[in-house]
């Protein structure tokens, strides 16, 4: 009788939370200690945990940065949240575990000149890593169109970074934020695009004269957004890559 051997998970390493910033009641940035020798490609995710519970989170930092930066949304227990309710009680000096290898294929595809990056809230994370790494390597020849959808203006946590880049280097970055609830008091000062981000994709492709020959389209975040974008663009022949963030942290 042959005994089957199943692959085992790589061993865990314990690391420190070195910094935390709360941006809304359910959105926070966390910076984690980077283990010696830890490497990843922009767009990949790490697997972190606490008390034996583990989940994957895309990495916002670029590979050259000192810490692992995460943008995390709290999913309440009553909505199926498992790890983020635990993380929400943690801060600087507390510890989490990390698997030794980053994973994922949602990475920068340099073959296309135009990089059309669609996201909802925390789904913007891989694009932050793309662009930081691109700048670090002093590359040129690509343009990043970052479309981010949110319900409220204070959910655009990386907006200042993208806005600054779009001013300093308009040939590299174009940032298009849009909100889906423009009539609520929380958005009273908003004067830019409105509507769900998937509903402005076609208009923006036309506005920026982006064609199937020179454009790679990415979608990251809410599964419903991704399905709609995919349906809108793949039928026209655009190259498309997706990364789904399910609300089951």
Protein backbone atom coordinates (compact mmCIF):
# COMPACT_ATOMS: atom_id res chain seq x y z
CA UNK A 1 0.00 0.00 0.00
CA UNK A 2 1.40 3.41 -1.02
CA UNK A 3 1.21 6.28 1.43
CA UNK A 4 0.40 9.56 -0.27
CA UNK A 5 2.46 12.56 0.73
CA UNK A 6 0.74 15.93 0.70
CA UNK A 7 2.69 19.17 0.37
CA UNK A 8 3.01 21.01 3.66
CA UNK A 9 2.74 24.73 4.16
CA UNK A 10 5.99 26.58 4.48
CA UNK A 11 6.94 27.43 8.09
CA UNK A 12 5.69 30.62 9.68
CA UNK A 13 7.82 33.50 10.84
CA UNK A 14 6.76 35.98 13.52
CA UNK A 15 7.21 39.66 12.68
CA UNK A 16 6.40 43.02 14.27
CA UNK A 17 3.83 45.60 13.28
CA UNK A 18 6.04 48.69 13.07
CA UNK A 19 3.40 51.31 12.27
CA UNK A 20 -0.32 51.74 11.80
CA UNK A 21 -2.53 54.55 10.45
CA UNK A 22 -6.33 54.51 10.73
CA UNK A 23 -7.99 56.38 7.86
CA UNK A 24 -11.67 55.61 8.43
CA UNK A 25 -13.54 53.39 10.88
CA UNK A 26 -12.89 50.40 8.62
CA UNK A 27 -9.76 51.27 6.60
CA UNK A 28 -6.19 51.26 7.88
CA UNK A 29 -2.61 51.13 6.67
CA UNK A 30 -0.17 48.79 8.39
CA UNK A 31 3.58 48.48 7.97
CA UNK A 32 5.14 45.15 8.91
CA UNK A 33 8.70 44.12 9.58
CA UNK A 34 10.19 42.53 6.46
CA UNK A 35 11.92 39.22 7.17
CA UNK A 36 15.52 38.85 6.02
CA UNK A 37 15.60 37.67 2.42
CA UNK A 38 11.88 38.26 1.83
CA UNK A 39 11.28 39.07 -1.84
CA UNK A 40 8.25 39.71 -4.00
CA UNK A 41 7.18 41.12 -7.35
CA UNK A 42 5.00 44.25 -7.47
CA UNK A 43 1.38 43.09 -7.42
CA UNK A 44 1.97 39.93 -5.41
CA UNK A 45 0.46 39.15 -2.00
CA UNK A 46 1.75 37.98 1.35
CA UNK A 47 0.00 35.60 3.75
CA UNK A 48 -0.13 36.90 7.30
CA UNK A 49 -1.86 35.58 10.38
CA UNK A 50 -2.53 35.71 14.09
CA UNK A 51 -3.52 32.96 16.52
CA UNK A 52 -3.44 30.41 13.71
CA UNK A 53 -5.79 32.33 11.42
CA UNK A 54 -4.24 33.33 8.09
CA UNK A 55 -5.30 35.40 5.09
CA UNK A 56 -3.64 36.82 1.98
CA UNK A 57 -3.17 40.56 1.47
CA UNK A 58 -1.73 42.33 -1.56
CA UNK A 59 1.41 44.34 -0.85
CA UNK A 60 1.35 48.10 -1.45
CA UNK A 61 5.05 48.71 -0.91
CA UNK A 62 7.61 48.19 -3.67
CA UNK A 63 10.22 45.44 -3.25
CA UNK A 64 12.99 47.91 -2.38
CA UNK A 65 11.14 49.45 0.58
CA UNK A 66 12.15 48.67 4.15
CA UNK A 67 8.75 47.49 5.36
CA UNK A 68 5.79 45.52 4.00
CA UNK A 69 2.93 47.98 3.59
CA UNK A 70 -0.67 46.76 3.66
CA UNK A 71 -3.98 48.58 3.10
CA UNK A 72 -6.64 46.66 5.01
CA UNK A 73 -10.43 46.88 5.19
CA UNK A 74 -12.17 45.72 8.35
CA UNK A 75 -14.76 43.04 7.64
CA UNK A 76 -16.98 42.68 10.74
CA UNK A 77 -17.51 39.24 12.24
CA UNK A 78 -21.22 39.38 11.43
CA UNK A 79 -20.29 39.82 7.74
CA UNK A 80 -17.90 36.90 7.76
CA UNK A 81 -14.73 38.66 8.89
CA UNK A 82 -12.21 36.33 10.48
CA UNK A 83 -8.74 37.88 10.58
CA UNK A 84 -9.34 41.62 10.19
CA UNK A 85 -11.40 41.87 13.43
CA UNK A 86 -8.30 40.49 15.17
CA UNK A 87 -5.92 42.80 13.31
CA UNK A 88 -8.08 45.79 14.26
CA UNK A 89 -7.05 45.34 17.89
CA UNK A 90 -3.35 45.27 17.00
CA UNK A 91 -0.86 48.10 16.59
CA UNK A 92 2.79 49.05 16.78
CA UNK A 93 4.81 46.44 18.65
CA UNK A 94 2.27 43.65 18.26
CA UNK A 95 3.20 40.59 16.24
CA UNK A 96 1.72 38.72 13.31
CA UNK A 97 2.96 35.70 11.38
CA UNK A 98 3.98 35.65 7.74
CA UNK A 99 4.60 32.89 5.24
CA UNK A 100 8.11 33.04 3.77
CA UNK A 101 7.07 33.43 0.13
CA UNK A 102 4.92 35.98 -1.63
CA UNK A 103 2.65 34.65 -4.36
CA UNK A 104 0.40 35.78 -7.17
CA UNK A 105 0.38 36.40 -10.93
CA UNK A 106 -1.31 39.81 -10.83
CA UNK A 107 1.91 41.53 -11.81
CA UNK A 108 3.06 44.28 -14.16
CA UNK A 109 2.79 43.24 -17.82
CA UNK A 110 5.24 45.52 -19.56
CA UNK A 111 4.41 44.47 -23.12
CA UNK A 112 1.73 47.14 -23.46
CA UNK A 113 2.56 50.85 -23.42
CA UNK A 114 -0.68 51.87 -21.71
CA UNK A 115 -1.47 50.36 -18.31
CA UNK A 116 -5.17 50.85 -17.52
CA UNK A 117 -5.61 50.04 -13.83
CA UNK A 118 -9.17 49.73 -12.46
CA UNK A 119 -9.87 49.26 -8.75
CA UNK A 120 -12.23 49.62 -5.83
CA UNK A 121 -10.80 51.01 -2.54
CA UNK A 122 -8.19 48.47 -1.27
CA UNK A 123 -7.97 47.02 -4.77
CA UNK A 124 -5.68 49.91 -5.66
CA UNK A 125 -2.86 48.32 -3.62
CA UNK A 126 -1.09 46.37 -6.41
CA UNK A 127 -0.99 49.49 -8.57
CA UNK A 128 0.76 51.45 -5.82
CA UNK A 129 3.46 48.79 -5.84
CA UNK A 130 3.65 48.80 -9.68
CA UNK A 131 4.26 52.52 -9.87
CA UNK A 132 6.63 52.84 -6.92
CA UNK A 133 8.78 50.07 -8.35
CA UNK A 134 8.66 51.62 -11.83
CA UNK A 135 9.85 54.95 -10.46
CA UNK A 136 12.55 53.31 -8.36
CA UNK A 137 13.96 51.64 -11.47
CA UNK A 138 13.81 54.94 -13.37
CA UNK A 139 11.92 53.31 -16.19
CA UNK A 140 10.09 55.03 -19.03
CA UNK A 141 7.88 54.21 -22.00
CA UNK A 142 4.66 53.35 -20.14
CA UNK A 143 1.68 55.37 -18.95
CA UNK A 144 -0.38 54.33 -15.93
CA UNK A 145 -4.07 55.27 -15.92
CA UNK A 146 -5.29 54.63 -12.37
CA UNK A 147 -9.08 54.45 -12.02
CA UNK A 148 -10.30 54.03 -8.45
CA UNK A 149 -13.89 53.78 -7.29
CA UNK A 150 -15.15 54.32 -3.76
CA UNK A 151 -18.33 55.22 -1.94
CA UNK A 152 -16.75 58.16 -0.09
CA UNK A 153 -13.90 60.57 -0.68
CA UNK A 154 -12.02 59.60 2.49
CA UNK A 155 -11.62 56.06 1.15
CA UNK A 156 -9.05 57.27 -1.41
CA UNK A 157 -6.09 56.66 0.87
CA UNK A 158 -3.44 56.88 -1.89
CA UNK A 159 -5.01 59.80 -3.74
CA UNK A 160 -2.41 62.37 -2.70
CA UNK A 161 0.40 60.10 -3.87
CA UNK A 162 -1.23 59.61 -7.27
CA UNK A 163 -2.22 63.26 -7.61
CA UNK A 164 1.32 64.40 -6.86
CA UNK A 165 2.75 62.01 -9.43
CA UNK A 166 0.23 63.12 -12.04
CA UNK A 167 1.34 66.74 -11.54
CA UNK A 168 5.08 66.06 -11.40
CA UNK A 169 5.05 63.52 -14.20
CA UNK A 170 1.85 63.80 -16.28
CA UNK A 171 3.32 61.60 -19.00
CA UNK A 172 3.57 58.74 -16.52
CA UNK A 173 0.44 58.82 -14.30
CA UNK A 174 -3.19 59.84 -14.81
CA UNK A 175 -5.39 59.43 -11.73
CA UNK A 176 -9.19 59.14 -12.10
CA UNK A 177 -11.08 58.77 -8.81
CA UNK A 178 -14.86 58.40 -8.83
CA UNK A 179 -17.45 58.16 -6.07
CA UNK A 180 -20.72 56.26 -6.20
CA UNK A 181 -22.64 58.31 -3.60
CA UNK A 182 -22.14 61.94 -4.63
CA UNK A 183 -25.28 63.23 -2.90
CA UNK A 184 -24.31 62.18 0.63
CA UNK A 185 -23.03 64.79 3.09
CA UNK A 186 -19.74 62.95 3.49
CA UNK A 187 -19.01 63.79 -0.17
CA UNK A 188 -20.27 67.37 -0.11
CA UNK A 189 -17.05 68.88 -1.47
CA UNK A 190 -16.62 66.44 -4.36
CA UNK A 191 -16.53 67.89 -7.87
CA UNK A 192 -14.92 65.16 -9.97
CA UNK A 193 -16.19 61.95 -11.61
CA UNK A 194 -19.21 60.21 -10.12
CA UNK A 195 -20.68 56.74 -10.53
CA UNK A 196 -19.29 53.26 -10.06
CA UNK A 197 -15.84 52.85 -11.53
CA UNK A 198 -16.91 50.02 -13.85
CA UNK A 199 -19.47 52.36 -15.41
CA UNK A 200 -16.87 54.93 -16.50
CA UNK A 201 -14.36 52.46 -18.00
CA UNK A 202 -15.57 52.70 -21.59
CA UNK A 203 -15.77 56.51 -21.50
CA UNK A 204 -12.23 56.79 -20.15
CA UNK A 205 -10.81 54.38 -22.72
CA UNK A 206 -12.35 56.59 -25.41
CA UNK A 207 -11.30 59.83 -23.71
CA UNK A 208 -7.67 58.75 -23.54
CA UNK A 209 -7.72 57.17 -27.02
CA UNK A 210 -6.59 53.79 -25.73
CA UNK A 211 -6.71 50.94 -28.21
CA UNK A 212 -6.51 47.15 -28.01
CA UNK A 213 -3.10 47.28 -29.69
CA UNK A 214 -1.38 49.25 -26.94
CA UNK A 215 -3.43 48.82 -23.74
CA UNK A 216 -3.37 46.29 -20.91
CA UNK A 217 -6.42 46.43 -18.63
CA UNK A 218 -6.27 45.28 -15.01
CA UNK A 219 -9.14 45.05 -12.53
CA UNK A 220 -8.66 44.50 -8.81
CA UNK A 221 -11.13 44.63 -5.93
CA UNK A 222 -14.82 43.85 -5.72
CA UNK A 223 -15.81 40.75 -7.76
CA UNK A 224 -18.92 42.46 -9.16
CA UNK A 225 -16.84 45.33 -10.51
CA UNK A 226 -14.36 42.93 -12.06
CA UNK A 227 -17.05 40.88 -13.80
CA UNK A 228 -18.60 43.99 -15.30
CA UNK A 229 -15.30 45.44 -16.50
CA UNK A 230 -14.28 42.08 -17.95
CA UNK A 231 -17.54 41.85 -19.88
CA UNK A 232 -17.16 45.40 -21.17
CA UNK A 233 -13.58 45.14 -22.44
CA UNK A 234 -12.74 41.57 -23.41
CA UNK A 235 -15.42 41.49 -26.08
CA UNK A 236 -13.64 44.39 -27.75
CA UNK A 237 -10.35 42.51 -27.72
CA UNK A 238 -8.50 44.17 -24.84
CA UNK A 239 -5.92 42.19 -22.88
CA UNK A 240 -7.32 41.72 -19.36
CA UNK A 241 -6.00 40.59 -15.98
CA UNK A 242 -7.98 40.32 -12.74
CA UNK A 243 -7.48 39.99 -8.98
CA UNK A 244 -10.58 39.47 -6.82
CA UNK A 245 -10.88 40.70 -3.24
CA UNK A 246 -13.64 38.71 -1.58
CA UNK A 247 -15.23 39.94 1.64
CA UNK A 248 -14.22 36.82 3.54
CA UNK A 249 -10.96 38.02 5.04
